[in-house]
PDB file of N, CA and C in Angstrom:
ATOM      1  N   MET A   1      17.691  32.332  12.496  1.00  0.00           N
ATOM      2  CA  MET A   1      17.455  31.442  13.229  1.00  0.00           C
ATOM      3  C   MET A   1      16.968  30.409  12.708  1.00  0.00           C
ATOM      4  N   SER A   2      17.652  29.030  12.544  1.00  0.00           N
ATOM      5  CA  SER A   2      16.977  27.860  11.933  1.00  0.00           C
ATOM      6  C   SER A   2      15.785  26.956  13.008  1.00  0.00           C
ATOM      7  N   THR A   3      14.631  26.322  12.497  1.00  0.00           N
ATOM      8  CA  THR A   3      14.063  25.791  12.912  1.00  0.00           C
ATOM      9  C   THR A   3      13.487  24.462  12.391  1.00  0.00           C
ATOM     10  N   GLU A   4      14.675  24.335  11.183  1.00  0.00           N
ATOM     11  CA  GLU A   4      14.442  22.683  11.030  1.00  0.00           C
ATOM     12  C   GLU A   4      15.250  21.827  11.965  1.00  0.00           C
ATOM     13  N   GLY A   5      15.495  22.360  12.744  1.00  0.00           N
ATOM     14  CA  GLY A   5      15.819  21.260  14.321  1.00  0.00           C
ATOM     15  C   GLY A   5      14.595  20.921  15.300  1.00  0.00           C
ATOM     16  N   SER A   6      13.878  21.771  15.272  1.00  0.00           N
ATOM     17  CA  SER A   6      12.521  21.631  16.033  1.00  0.00           C
ATOM     18  C   SER A   6      11.651  20.778  15.275  1.00  0.00           C
ATOM     19  N   LYS A   7      11.533  20.750  13.878  1.00  0.00           N
ATOM     20  CA  LYS A   7      10.788  20.009  13.194  1.00  0.00           C
ATOM     21  C   LYS A   7      10.642  18.599  13.336  1.00  0.00           C
ATOM     22  N   PRO A   8       9.143  17.470  13.462  1.00  0.00           N
ATOM     23  CA  PRO A   8       9.334  16.556  13.928  1.00  0.00           C
ATOM     24  C   PRO A   8       9.252  16.108  12.145  1.00  0.00           C
ATOM     25  N   GLU A   9      10.105  14.594  12.161  1.00  0.00           N
ATOM     26  CA  GLU A   9      10.187  14.118  11.214  1.00  0.00           C
ATOM     27  C   GLU A   9       9.326  13.506  10.932  1.00  0.00           C
ATOM     28  N   LEU A  10       8.904  13.482   9.779  1.00  0.00           N
ATOM     29  CA  LEU A  10       7.719  12.860   8.711  1.00  0.00           C
ATOM     30  C   LEU A  10       7.568  12.354   7.782  1.00  0.00           C
ATOM     31  N   LYS A  11       6.993  11.063   7.700  1.00  0.00           N
ATOM     32  CA  LYS A  11       7.027   9.829   7.250  1.00  0.00           C
ATOM     33  C   LYS A  11       5.969  10.555   6.021  1.00  0.00           C
ATOM     34  N   GLU A  12       6.131  10.143   4.336  1.00  0.00           N
ATOM     35  CA  GLU A  12       4.913  10.720   3.564  1.00  0.00           C
ATOM     36  C   GLU A  12       4.545   8.797   2.823  1.00  0.00           C
ATOM     37  N   TYR A  13       3.474   9.115   2.436  1.00  0.00           N
ATOM     38  CA  TYR A  13       2.841   8.217   1.850  1.00  0.00           C
ATOM     39  C   TYR A  13       1.853   8.361   0.915  1.00  0.00           C
ATOM     40  N   ALA A  14       1.890   7.693  -0.252  1.00  0.00           N
ATOM     41  CA  ALA A  14       0.620   8.457  -1.431  1.00  0.00           C
ATOM     42  C   ALA A  14       1.623   9.544  -2.048  1.00  0.00           C
ATOM     43  N   ASP A  15       3.585   9.871  -2.364  1.00  0.00           N
ATOM     44  CA  ASP A  15       3.402  10.724  -2.700  1.00  0.00           C
ATOM     45  C   ASP A  15       3.348  12.104  -2.036  1.00  0.00           C
ATOM     46  N   GLY A  16       3.061  12.169  -1.089  1.00  0.00           N
ATOM     47  CA  GLY A  16       2.644  12.651   0.416  1.00  0.00           C
ATOM     48  C   GLY A  16       1.439  13.499   0.435  1.00  0.00           C
ATOM     49  N   TRP A  17       0.277  12.631  -0.075  1.00  0.00           N
ATOM     50  CA  TRP A  17      -1.216  12.403   0.323  1.00  0.00           C
ATOM     51  C   TRP A  17      -1.355  12.316   1.766  1.00  0.00           C
ATOM     52  N   ILE A  18      -0.802  11.263   2.224  1.00  0.00           N
ATOM     53  CA  ILE A  18      -0.426  11.414   3.415  1.00  0.00           C
ATOM     54  C   ILE A  18       0.453  10.844   4.417  1.00  0.00           C
ATOM     55  N   THR A  19       0.448  11.668   5.063  1.00  0.00           N
ATOM     56  CA  THR A  19       1.947  12.121   6.280  1.00  0.00           C
ATOM     57  C   THR A  19       1.518  12.192   7.509  1.00  0.00           C
ATOM     58  N   GLU A  20       2.594  11.369   8.741  1.00  0.00           N
ATOM     59  CA  GLU A  20       2.772  11.185   9.970  1.00  0.00           C
ATOM     60  C   GLU A  20       3.863  11.138  10.433  1.00  0.00           C
ATOM     61  N   ARG A  21       3.902  11.294  11.680  1.00  0.00           N
ATOM     62  CA  ARG A  21       5.315  11.378  12.122  1.00  0.00           C
ATOM     63  C   ARG A  21       5.692   9.745  12.338  1.00  0.00           C
ATOM     64  N   LYS A  22       6.619   9.871  12.101  1.00  0.00           N
ATOM     65  CA  LYS A  22       8.108   8.875  12.857  1.00  0.00           C
ATOM     66  C   LYS A  22       8.090   8.276  13.573  1.00  0.00           C
ATOM     67  N   GLY A  23       7.567   7.354  14.019  1.00  0.00           N
ATOM     68  CA  GLY A  23       7.427   6.397  15.517  1.00  0.00           C
ATOM     69  C   GLY A  23       6.065   6.843  15.572  1.00  0.00           C
ATOM     70  N   THR A  24       5.255   7.074  15.234  1.00  0.00           N
ATOM     71  CA  THR A  24       3.803   6.891  15.941  1.00  0.00           C
ATOM     72  C   THR A  24       3.435   5.644  15.431  1.00  0.00           C
ATOM     73  N   GLY A  25       2.417   5.271  16.897  1.00  0.00           N
ATOM     74  CA  GLY A  25       0.968   3.868  16.561  1.00  0.00           C
ATOM     75  C   GLY A  25       0.261   4.071  15.645  1.00  0.00           C
ATOM     76  N   VAL A  26      -0.331   3.255  15.720  1.00  0.00           N
ATOM     77  CA  VAL A  26      -1.987   3.212  15.003  1.00  0.00           C
ATOM     78  C   VAL A  26      -2.387   3.392  16.136  1.00  0.00           C
ATOM     79  N   PRO A  27      -3.373   4.753  15.974  1.00  0.00           N
ATOM     80  CA  PRO A  27      -4.666   5.358  17.040  1.00  0.00           C
ATOM     81  C   PRO A  27      -5.286   4.129  17.257  1.00  0.00           C
ATOM     82  N   GLY A  28      -5.975   4.196  18.479  1.00  0.00           N
ATOM     83  CA  GLY A  28      -6.363   3.450  19.483  1.00  0.00           C
ATOM     84  C   GLY A  28      -8.409   3.044  18.494  1.00  0.00           C
ATOM     85  N   PHE A  29      -8.734   3.886  17.955  1.00  0.00           N
ATOM     86  CA  PHE A  29      -9.814   3.665  17.824  1.00  0.00           C
ATOM     87  C   PHE A  29     -10.188   3.566  16.226  1.00  0.00           C
ATOM     88  N   LEU A  30      -9.070   2.824  15.538  1.00  0.00           N
ATOM     89  CA  LEU A  30      -8.500   2.633  14.959  1.00  0.00           C
ATOM     90  C   LEU A  30      -8.226   0.433  14.859  1.00  0.00           C
ATOM     91  N   LYS A  31      -7.628   0.733  15.752  1.00  0.00           N
ATOM     92  CA  LYS A  31      -7.766  -0.468  16.507  1.00  0.00           C
ATOM     93  C   LYS A  31      -8.594  -1.227  16.896  1.00  0.00           C
ATOM     94  N   LEU A  32      -9.350  -0.248  17.401  1.00  0.00           N
ATOM     95  CA  LEU A  32     -10.804  -1.406  17.240  1.00  0.00           C
ATOM     96  C   LEU A  32     -12.098  -0.755  16.468  1.00  0.00           C
ATOM     97  N   ALA A  33     -11.817  -0.174  15.347  1.00  0.00           N
ATOM     98  CA  ALA A  33     -12.825   0.077  13.886  1.00  0.00           C
ATOM     99  C   ALA A  33     -12.472  -1.098  12.578  1.00  0.00           C
ATOM    100  N   PHE A  34     -11.170  -1.568  12.962  1.00  0.00           N
ATOM    101  CA  PHE A  34     -10.531  -2.257  12.263  1.00  0.00           C
ATOM    102  C   PHE A  34     -11.509  -3.425  12.297  1.00  0.00           C
ATOM    103  N   PRO A  35     -11.139  -4.527  13.631  1.00  0.00           N
ATOM    104  CA  PRO A  35     -12.189  -5.869  13.711  1.00  0.00           C
ATOM    105  C   PRO A  35     -13.110  -6.007  13.290  1.00  0.00           C
ATOM    106  N   ILE A  36     -14.164  -4.600  14.271  1.00  0.00           N
ATOM    107  CA  ILE A  36     -15.389  -4.630  14.193  1.00  0.00           C
ATOM    108  C   ILE A  36     -16.111  -4.648  12.588  1.00  0.00           C
ATOM    109  N   ILE A  37     -15.114  -4.192  11.505  1.00  0.00           N
ATOM    110  CA  ILE A  37     -15.923  -3.320  10.317  1.00  0.00           C
ATOM    111  C   ILE A  37     -15.304  -5.095   9.550  1.00  0.00           C
ATOM    112  N   GLY A  38     -14.093  -5.798   9.507  1.00  0.00           N
ATOM    113  CA  GLY A  38     -13.856  -6.586   9.412  1.00  0.00           C
ATOM    114  C   GLY A  38     -15.282  -8.309   9.865  1.00  0.00           C
ATOM    115  N   ALA A  39     -15.235  -8.319  11.418  1.00  0.00           N
ATOM    116  CA  ALA A  39     -16.442  -8.958  11.357  1.00  0.00           C
ATOM    117  C   ALA A  39     -17.795  -8.320  11.093  1.00  0.00           C
ATOM    118  N   ALA A  40     -18.247  -8.039  11.118  1.00  0.00           N
ATOM    119  CA  ALA A  40     -19.239  -7.356  10.551  1.00  0.00           C
ATOM    120  C   ALA A  40     -19.773  -7.581   8.941  1.00  0.00           C
ATOM    121  N   VAL A  41     -18.317  -7.743   8.236  1.00  0.00           N
ATOM    122  CA  VAL A  41     -17.992  -7.897   6.422  1.00  0.00           C
ATOM    123  C   VAL A  41     -18.594  -9.801   7.066  1.00  0.00           C
ATOM    124  N   VAL A  42     -17.786 -10.551   7.818  1.00  0.00           N
ATOM    125  CA  VAL A  42     -17.845 -12.030   7.550  1.00  0.00           C
ATOM    126  C   VAL A  42     -19.033 -12.140   8.201  1.00  0.00           C
ATOM    127  N   ILE A  43     -20.019 -11.272   9.263  1.00  0.00           N
ATOM    128  CA  ILE A  43     -21.435 -11.478   9.356  1.00  0.00           C
ATOM    129  C   ILE A  43     -22.355 -11.615   8.500  1.00  0.00           C
ATOM    130  N   TYR A  44     -22.585 -10.682   7.499  1.00  0.00           N
ATOM    131  CA  TYR A  44     -22.583  -9.998   6.392  1.00  0.00           C
ATOM    132  C   TYR A  44     -23.103 -11.457   5.325  1.00  0.00           C
ATOM    133  N   LEU A  45     -21.591 -10.924   5.100  1.00  0.00           N
ATOM    134  CA  LEU A  45     -21.264 -12.801   3.762  1.00  0.00           C
ATOM    135  C   LEU A  45     -22.375 -14.355   4.710  1.00  0.00           C
ATOM    136  N   ALA A  46     -22.079 -14.354   6.260  1.00  0.00           N
ATOM    137  CA  ALA A  46     -22.662 -15.949   6.216  1.00  0.00           C
ATOM    138  C   ALA A  46     -24.137 -15.348   6.513  1.00  0.00           C
ATOM    139  N   VAL A  47     -24.708 -14.274   6.107  1.00  0.00           N
ATOM    140  CA  VAL A  47     -26.408 -13.994   6.639  1.00  0.00           C
ATOM    141  C   VAL A  47     -26.898 -13.847   4.946  1.00  0.00           C
ATOM    142  N   PHE A  48     -26.004 -13.810   4.133  1.00  0.00           N
ATOM    143  CA  PHE A  48     -26.011 -13.188   2.872  1.00  0.00           C
ATOM    144  C   PHE A  48     -25.723 -14.611   1.947  1.00  0.00           C
ATOM    145  N   THR A  49     -25.443 -15.407   2.405  1.00  0.00           N
ATOM    146  CA  THR A  49     -24.882 -15.972   0.985  1.00  0.00           C
ATOM    147  C   THR A  49     -25.428 -16.684   0.113  1.00  0.00           C
ATOM    148  N   ASN A  50     -26.829 -16.662   0.044  1.00  0.00           N
ATOM    149  CA  ASN A  50     -27.329 -17.158  -0.748  1.00  0.00           C
ATOM    150  C   ASN A  50     -28.558 -15.945  -1.163  1.00  0.00           C
ATOM    151  N   GLY A  51     -28.358 -14.673  -0.669  1.00  0.00           N
ATOM    152  CA  GLY A  51     -29.399 -13.877  -1.463  1.00  0.00           C
ATOM    153  C   GLY A  51     -30.053 -13.171   0.030  1.00  0.00           C
ATOM    154  N   GLU A  52     -31.011 -12.489  -0.137  1.00  0.00           N
ATOM    155  CA  GLU A  52     -31.718 -12.105   0.381  1.00  0.00           C
ATOM    156  C   GLU A  52     -32.922 -13.043   0.955  1.00  0.00           C
ATOM    157  N   ILE A  53     -32.694 -14.101   0.570  1.00  0.00           N
ATOM    158  CA  ILE A  53     -34.498 -15.052   0.408  1.00  0.00           C
ATOM    159  C   ILE A  53     -35.507 -14.454   1.744  1.00  0.00           C
ATOM    160  N   HIS A  54     -35.013 -14.042   2.655  1.00  0.00           N
ATOM    161  CA  HIS A  54     -36.298 -13.809   3.715  1.00  0.00           C
ATOM    162  C   HIS A  54     -36.795 -12.286   3.290  1.00  0.00           C
ATOM    163  N   HIS A  55     -36.690 -12.206   2.533  1.00  0.00           N
ATOM    164  CA  HIS A  55     -36.726 -10.582   3.123  1.00  0.00           C
ATOM    165  C   HIS A  55     -38.742 -10.919   1.822  1.00  0.00           C
ATOM    166  N   SER A  56     -39.370  -9.910   2.767  1.00  0.00           N
ATOM    167  CA  SER A  56     -40.540  -9.832   2.401  1.00  0.00           C
ATOM    168  C   SER A  56     -41.483 -10.503   0.770  1.00  0.00           C
ATOM    169  N   THR A  57     -40.846  -9.250  -0.043  1.00  0.00           N
ATOM    170  CA  THR A  57     -40.964  -9.316  -1.380  1.00  0.00           C
ATOM    171  C   THR A  57     -40.132  -9.621  -2.429  1.00  0.00           C
ATOM    172  N   ARG A  58     -38.405  -9.137  -1.817  1.00  0.00           N
ATOM    173  CA  ARG A  58     -37.481  -9.909  -3.414  1.00  0.00           C
ATOM    174  C   ARG A  58     -37.283 -11.563  -2.424  1.00  0.00           C
ATOM    175  N   GLY A  59     -37.524 -11.959  -1.714  1.00  0.00           N
ATOM    176  CA  GLY A  59     -36.998 -13.533  -0.963  1.00  0.00           C
ATOM    177  C   GLY A  59     -37.732 -14.166  -2.140  1.00  0.00           C
ATOM    178  N   PRO A  60     -39.090 -14.213  -2.200  1.00  0.00           N
ATOM    179  CA  PRO A  60     -39.615 -15.120  -3.697  1.00  0.00           C
ATOM    180  C   PRO A  60     -38.881 -15.462  -4.581  1.00  0.00           C
ATOM    181  N   LEU A  61     -38.830 -13.898  -5.183  1.00  0.00           N
ATOM    182  CA  LEU A  61     -37.750 -13.808  -6.734  1.00  0.00           C
ATOM    183  C   LEU A  61     -36.161 -14.270  -6.267  1.00  0.00           C
ATOM    184  N   VAL A  62     -35.423 -14.009  -5.189  1.00  0.00           N
ATOM    185  CA  VAL A  62     -34.663 -14.909  -4.998  1.00  0.00           C
ATOM    186  C   VAL A  62     -34.232 -16.445  -4.864  1.00  0.00           C
ATOM    187  N   GLN A  63     -34.999 -16.539  -4.039  1.00  0.00           N
ATOM    188  CA  GLN A  63     -35.434 -18.336  -4.174  1.00  0.00           C
ATOM    189  C   GLN A  63     -35.399 -18.833  -5.647  1.00  0.00           C
ATOM    190  N   GLN A  64     -36.183 -18.058  -6.078  1.00  0.00           N
ATOM    191  CA  GLN A  64     -36.118 -18.886  -7.173  1.00  0.00           C
ATOM    192  C   GLN A  64     -35.559 -18.554  -8.521  1.00  0.00           C
ATOM    193  N   LEU A  65     -34.819 -16.989  -8.199  1.00  0.00           N
ATOM    194  CA  LEU A  65     -33.230 -17.848  -8.931  1.00  0.00           C
ATOM    195  C   LEU A  65     -32.721 -18.544  -8.543  1.00  0.00           C
ATOM    196  N   ASN A  66     -32.154 -18.564  -7.173  1.00  0.00           N
ATOM    197  CA  ASN A  66     -31.092 -19.484  -6.635  1.00  0.00           C
ATOM    198  C   ASN A  66     -31.551 -20.859  -7.194  1.00  0.00           C
ATOM    199  N   ALA A  67     -33.012 -20.985  -7.263  1.00  0.00           N
ATOM    200  CA  ALA A  67     -33.411 -22.771  -7.904  1.00  0.00           C
ATOM    201  C   ALA A  67     -32.348 -22.850  -9.248  1.00  0.00           C
ATOM    202  N   VAL A  68     -32.582 -21.483  -9.821  1.00  0.00           N
ATOM    203  CA  VAL A  68     -32.367 -22.088 -11.321  1.00  0.00           C
ATOM    204  C   VAL A  68     -30.709 -22.019 -11.685  1.00  0.00           C
ATOM    205  N   THR A  69     -30.479 -21.159 -11.507  1.00  0.00           N
ATOM    206  CA  THR A  69     -29.086 -20.933 -11.269  1.00  0.00           C
ATOM    207  C   THR A  69     -27.735 -21.721 -10.419  1.00  0.00           C
ATOM    208  N   GLY A  70     -28.402 -22.075  -9.450  1.00  0.00           N
ATOM    209  CA  GLY A  70     -27.782 -23.311  -8.092  1.00  0.00           C
ATOM    210  C   GLY A  70     -26.947 -22.273  -6.983  1.00  0.00           C
ATOM    211  N   THR A  71     -26.758 -22.282  -6.243  1.00  0.00           N
ATOM    212  CA  THR A  71     -25.795 -21.654  -5.093  1.00  0.00           C
ATOM    213  C   THR A  71     -24.185 -21.511  -5.520  1.00  0.00           C
ATOM    214  N   ALA A  72     -23.382 -20.811  -4.645  1.00  0.00           N
ATOM    215  CA  ALA A  72     -22.145 -20.751  -4.782  1.00  0.00           C
ATOM    216  C   ALA A  72     -21.151 -20.784  -3.595  1.00  0.00           C
ATOM    217  N   ASN A  73     -21.735 -21.630  -2.996  1.00  0.00           N
ATOM    218  CA  ASN A  73     -21.722 -21.848  -1.364  1.00  0.00           C
ATOM    219  C   ASN A  73     -19.735 -21.983  -1.669  1.00  0.00           C
ATOM    220  N   GLY A  74     -19.191 -22.838  -1.842  1.00  0.00           N
ATOM    221  CA  GLY A  74     -18.090 -23.450  -2.315  1.00  0.00           C
ATOM    222  C   GLY A  74     -17.374 -22.064  -2.533  1.00  0.00           C
ATOM    223  N   PHE A  75     -18.147 -22.008  -3.260  1.00  0.00           N
ATOM    224  CA  PHE A  75     -17.229 -19.821  -3.445  1.00  0.00           C
ATOM    225  C   PHE A  75     -16.807 -18.651  -2.555  1.00  0.00           C
ATOM    226  N   MET A  76     -18.219 -18.781  -2.110  1.00  0.00           N
ATOM    227  CA  MET A  76     -18.559 -17.855  -0.679  1.00  0.00           C
ATOM    228  C   MET A  76     -17.557 -18.108   0.328  1.00  0.00           C
ATOM    229  N   TYR A  77     -17.386 -19.691   0.842  1.00  0.00           N
ATOM    230  CA  TYR A  77     -16.737 -19.898   1.888  1.00  0.00           C
ATOM    231  C   TYR A  77     -15.275 -20.132   1.452  1.00  0.00           C
ATOM    232  N   VAL A  78     -14.820 -19.971   0.315  1.00  0.00           N
ATOM    233  CA  VAL A  78     -13.262 -19.194  -0.098  1.00  0.00           C
ATOM    234  C   VAL A  78     -13.376 -17.945   0.051  1.00  0.00           C
ATOM    235  N   VAL A  79     -13.910 -16.836  -0.067  1.00  0.00           N
ATOM    236  CA  VAL A  79     -14.240 -15.248   0.059  1.00  0.00           C
ATOM    237  C   VAL A  79     -13.897 -15.379   1.268  1.00  0.00           C
ATOM    238  N   GLY A  80     -15.430 -15.877   2.320  1.00  0.00           N
ATOM    239  CA  GLY A  80     -14.455 -15.932   3.950  1.00  0.00           C
ATOM    240  C   GLY A  80     -13.647 -16.125   4.201  1.00  0.00           C
ATOM    241  N   ALA A  81     -12.850 -17.491   3.935  1.00  0.00           N
ATOM    242  CA  ALA A  81     -11.490 -17.417   4.344  1.00  0.00           C
ATOM    243  C   ALA A  81     -10.792 -16.349   4.039  1.00  0.00           C
ATOM    244  N   LEU A  82     -10.891 -15.790   2.773  1.00  0.00           N
ATOM    245  CA  LEU A  82      -9.651 -14.790   2.695  1.00  0.00           C
ATOM    246  C   LEU A  82      -9.613 -13.775   3.374  1.00  0.00           C
ATOM    247  N   ILE A  83     -11.169 -13.604   3.623  1.00  0.00           N
ATOM    248  CA  ILE A  83     -11.651 -11.787   4.625  1.00  0.00           C
ATOM    249  C   ILE A  83     -11.200 -12.391   5.827  1.00  0.00           C
ATOM    250  N   VAL A  84     -11.577 -13.642   6.589  1.00  0.00           N
ATOM    251  CA  VAL A  84     -10.918 -13.962   8.010  1.00  0.00           C
ATOM    252  C   VAL A  84      -8.877 -13.857   7.978  1.00  0.00           C
ATOM    253  N   THR A  85      -8.679 -15.038   7.104  1.00  0.00           N
ATOM    254  CA  THR A  85      -6.875 -14.223   6.532  1.00  0.00           C
ATOM    255  C   THR A  85      -6.745 -12.568   6.711  1.00  0.00           C
ATOM    256  N   TYR A  86      -7.353 -12.266   5.976  1.00  0.00           N
ATOM    257  CA  TYR A  86      -6.755 -10.570   5.876  1.00  0.00           C
ATOM    258  C   TYR A  86      -6.800 -10.177   7.530  1.00  0.00           C
ATOM    259  N   LEU A  87      -8.275 -10.566   8.076  1.00  0.00           N
ATOM    260  CA  LEU A  87      -8.586  -9.962   9.399  1.00  0.00           C
ATOM    261  C   LEU A  87      -6.923 -10.653  10.567  1.00  0.00           C
ATOM    262  N   VAL A  88      -6.534 -11.929  10.400  1.00  0.00           N
ATOM    263  CA  VAL A  88      -5.663 -11.910  10.738  1.00  0.00           C
ATOM    264  C   VAL A  88      -4.273 -11.481  10.765  1.00  0.00           C
ATOM    265  N   ILE A  89      -4.144 -11.473   9.859  1.00  0.00           N
ATOM    266  CA  ILE A  89      -2.917 -10.395   9.356  1.00  0.00           C
ATOM    267  C   ILE A  89      -2.728  -9.151   9.588  1.00  0.00           C
ATOM    268  N   LEU A  90      -4.190  -8.749   9.568  1.00  0.00           N
ATOM    269  CA  LEU A  90      -4.585  -6.956   9.876  1.00  0.00           C
ATOM    270  C   LEU A  90      -4.307  -6.771  11.575  1.00  0.00           C
ATOM    271  N   LEU A  91      -5.118  -7.810  12.226  1.00  0.00           N
ATOM    272  CA  LEU A  91      -4.869  -7.928  13.193  1.00  0.00           C
ATOM    273  C   LEU A  91      -3.569  -8.057  14.340  1.00  0.00           C
ATOM    274  N   ALA A  92      -2.485  -8.715  13.593  1.00  0.00           N
ATOM    275  CA  ALA A  92      -1.489  -8.809  13.852  1.00  0.00           C
ATOM    276  C   ALA A  92      -0.443  -7.457  13.492  1.00  0.00           C
ATOM    277  N   PHE A  93      -0.851  -6.953  12.472  1.00  0.00           N
ATOM    278  CA  PHE A  93       0.324  -5.786  12.324  1.00  0.00           C
ATOM    279  C   PHE A  93      -0.333  -4.936  13.001  1.00  0.00           C
ATOM    280  N   LEU A  94      -1.812  -4.663  13.350  1.00  0.00           N
ATOM    281  CA  LEU A  94      -2.272  -3.331  14.410  1.00  0.00           C
ATOM    282  C   LEU A  94      -1.645  -3.765  15.877  1.00  0.00           C
ATOM    283  N   PHE A  95      -1.942  -4.846  16.438  1.00  0.00           N
ATOM    284  CA  PHE A  95      -0.724  -4.993  17.742  1.00  0.00           C
ATOM    285  C   PHE A  95       0.374  -5.406  17.597  1.00  0.00           C
ATOM    286  N   LYS A  96       1.102  -5.588  17.112  1.00  0.00           N
ATOM    287  CA  LYS A  96       2.652  -5.755  17.160  1.00  0.00           C
ATOM    288  C   LYS A  96       3.311  -4.066  17.526  1.00  0.00           C
ATOM    289  N   LYS A  97       4.406  -4.505  17.951  1.00  0.00           N
ATOM    290  CA  LYS A  97       5.260  -3.538  18.611  1.00  0.00           C
ATOM    291  C   LYS A  97       5.646  -2.812  17.446  1.00  0.00           C
ATOM    292  N   PRO A  98       5.829  -1.105  17.362  1.00  0.00           N
ATOM    293  CA  PRO A  98       6.449  -0.656  16.669  1.00  0.00           C
ATOM    294  C   PRO A  98       7.434  -0.729  16.211  1.00  0.00           C
ATOM    295  N   GLY A  99       8.156  -1.302  15.162  1.00  0.00           N
ATOM    296  CA  GLY A  99       9.865  -1.671  15.133  1.00  0.00           C
ATOM    297  C   GLY A  99      10.506  -0.678  14.462  1.00  0.00           C
ATOM    298  N   HIS A 100      11.607  -0.562  13.880  1.00  0.00           N
ATOM    299  CA  HIS A 100      12.559   0.154  13.612  1.00  0.00           C
ATOM    300  C   HIS A 100      11.979   0.448  11.752  1.00  0.00           C
ATOM    301  N   GLU A 101      11.570   2.029  11.962  1.00  0.00           N
ATOM    302  CA  GLU A 101      11.700   2.401  10.579  1.00  0.00           C
ATOM    303  C   GLU A 101      12.452   2.866   9.372  1.00  0.00           C
ATOM    304  N   GLU A 102      12.280   3.264   8.626  1.00  0.00           N
ATOM    305  CA  GLU A 102      13.516   3.420   7.698  1.00  0.00           C
ATOM    306  C   GLU A 102      12.899   5.085   7.131  1.00  0.00           C
TER     307      GLU A 102
END
């Protein structure tokens, strides 16, 4: 008796390290976790753009280093824009309807 007819079709990624049933969507906890993690990254970047300058022991040293070397605010804004762009693409992928898979 053949059991191949009852086997679900599996799709492999990364040379078989990851497998999933064809036609399955993104799990709900990942739809929730990805935006939360992304928002935490953007908030962290905004708070610590110039280092941990308000820390009780390291703060003065970080402020002195920033005074000598200067800040990289422009670069950090570019990194933040890249993160936001990635989040928009990720959210579009997460919440789109599953299409035809090959």
